[in-house]
Amino acid sequence: MKRSAFWQSTRALWRYRRTIACAFVGAMISAACFGAGLGMLMPVFHLLLGGDQPGRSLTDLIRERIDSPDAGAWEVAAGERVIHLLP
């Protein structure tokens, strides 16, 4: 009786079971970290945009930063460029 292509491939890959297992574990860790990062986007944006202060925009946050006395020249220049790109 002839074996299916799946079982033939399985037998050929059996030598690499440790490498495949490590790759699988790494893929699961990567997926979990990616999911955690996506899950943190909303809370971070809520904090950045001041969820308790409605009407505040990203432009307002940048303007506050570049108007502060401890802002460097490069921060002011970069902030101005970003403000011009924002809607």
Protein backbone atom coordinates (compact mmCIF):
# COMPACT_ATOMS: atom_id res chain seq x y z
CA MET A 1 0.00 0.00 0.00
CA LYS A 2 1.40 3.38 -1.02
CA ARG A 3 1.77 6.08 1.60
CA SER A 4 0.30 9.52 1.08
CA ALA A 5 2.50 12.51 0.29
CA PHE A 6 1.86 13.90 3.78
CA TRP A 7 3.37 10.88 5.54
CA GLN A 8 6.31 10.78 3.14
CA SER A 9 7.04 14.42 3.95
CA THR A 10 6.65 13.73 7.65
CA ARG A 11 9.18 10.92 7.51
CA ALA A 12 11.64 13.13 5.60
CA LEU A 13 11.27 15.98 8.11
CA TRP A 14 11.54 13.75 11.20
CA ARG A 15 15.30 14.39 11.31
CA TYR A 16 14.62 18.11 11.84
CA ARG A 17 12.05 17.74 14.63
CA ARG A 18 14.06 19.78 17.16
CA THR A 19 14.57 22.64 14.69
CA ILE A 20 10.89 22.59 13.74
CA ALA A 21 9.83 22.55 17.41
CA CYS A 22 12.10 25.52 18.20
CA ALA A 23 10.74 27.41 15.20
CA PHE A 24 7.18 26.69 16.32
CA VAL A 25 7.86 27.90 19.88
CA GLY A 26 9.54 31.02 18.51
CA ALA A 27 6.58 31.71 16.24
CA MET A 28 4.17 31.39 19.18
CA ILE A 29 6.24 33.81 21.29
CA SER A 30 6.41 36.24 18.39
CA ALA A 31 2.64 36.03 17.86
CA ALA A 32 1.99 36.63 21.56
CA CYS A 33 4.27 39.68 21.62
CA PHE A 34 2.68 41.04 18.44
CA GLY A 35 -0.79 40.58 19.93
CA ALA A 36 0.26 42.30 23.15
CA GLY A 37 1.64 45.22 21.15
CA LEU A 38 -1.57 45.57 19.18
CA GLY A 39 -3.56 45.33 22.40
CA MET A 40 -1.59 48.20 23.91
CA LEU A 41 -2.19 50.62 21.04
CA MET A 42 -5.55 51.93 22.25
CA PRO A 43 -4.52 52.56 25.89
CA VAL A 44 -1.31 54.28 24.76
CA PHE A 45 -3.13 56.51 22.30
CA HIS A 46 -5.71 57.25 24.97
CA LEU A 47 -2.93 58.39 27.30
CA LEU A 48 -1.10 60.34 24.60
CA LEU A 49 -4.18 62.15 23.44
CA GLY A 50 -5.40 62.88 26.96
CA GLY A 51 -8.58 60.85 27.18
CA ASP A 52 -9.66 62.83 30.24
CA GLN A 53 -9.25 66.11 28.31
CA PRO A 54 -11.51 65.97 25.24
CA GLY A 55 -10.60 68.15 22.30
CA ARG A 56 -6.84 67.73 22.70
CA SER A 57 -5.11 66.66 19.51
CA LEU A 58 -1.71 65.30 18.59
CA THR A 59 -0.85 68.74 17.22
CA ASP A 60 -1.54 70.23 20.66
CA LEU A 61 0.78 67.71 22.32
CA ILE A 62 3.58 68.46 19.86
CA ARG A 63 3.05 72.19 20.24
CA GLU A 64 3.30 71.88 24.05
CA ARG A 65 6.56 69.96 23.73
CA ILE A 66 8.27 72.32 21.30
CA ASP A 67 7.13 75.38 23.29
CA SER A 68 8.69 74.06 26.50
CA PRO A 69 11.97 75.69 27.55
CA ASP A 70 13.91 72.41 27.62
CA ALA A 71 13.11 71.52 23.99
CA GLY A 72 16.21 71.30 21.82
CA ALA A 73 16.58 72.92 18.43
CA TRP A 74 16.26 69.58 16.65
CA GLU A 75 13.03 68.85 18.57
CA VAL A 76 11.54 72.16 17.54
CA ALA A 77 12.51 71.65 13.89
CA ALA A 78 11.20 68.07 13.82
CA GLY A 79 8.04 69.08 15.65
CA GLU A 80 7.30 71.85 13.18
CA ARG A 81 7.75 69.44 10.26
CA VAL A 82 5.41 66.91 11.86
CA ILE A 83 2.78 69.57 12.64
CA HIS A 84 2.74 70.61 8.98
CA LEU A 85 2.14 66.98 7.96
CA LEU A 86 -0.76 66.41 10.35
CA PRO A 87 -4.32 67.21 9.31
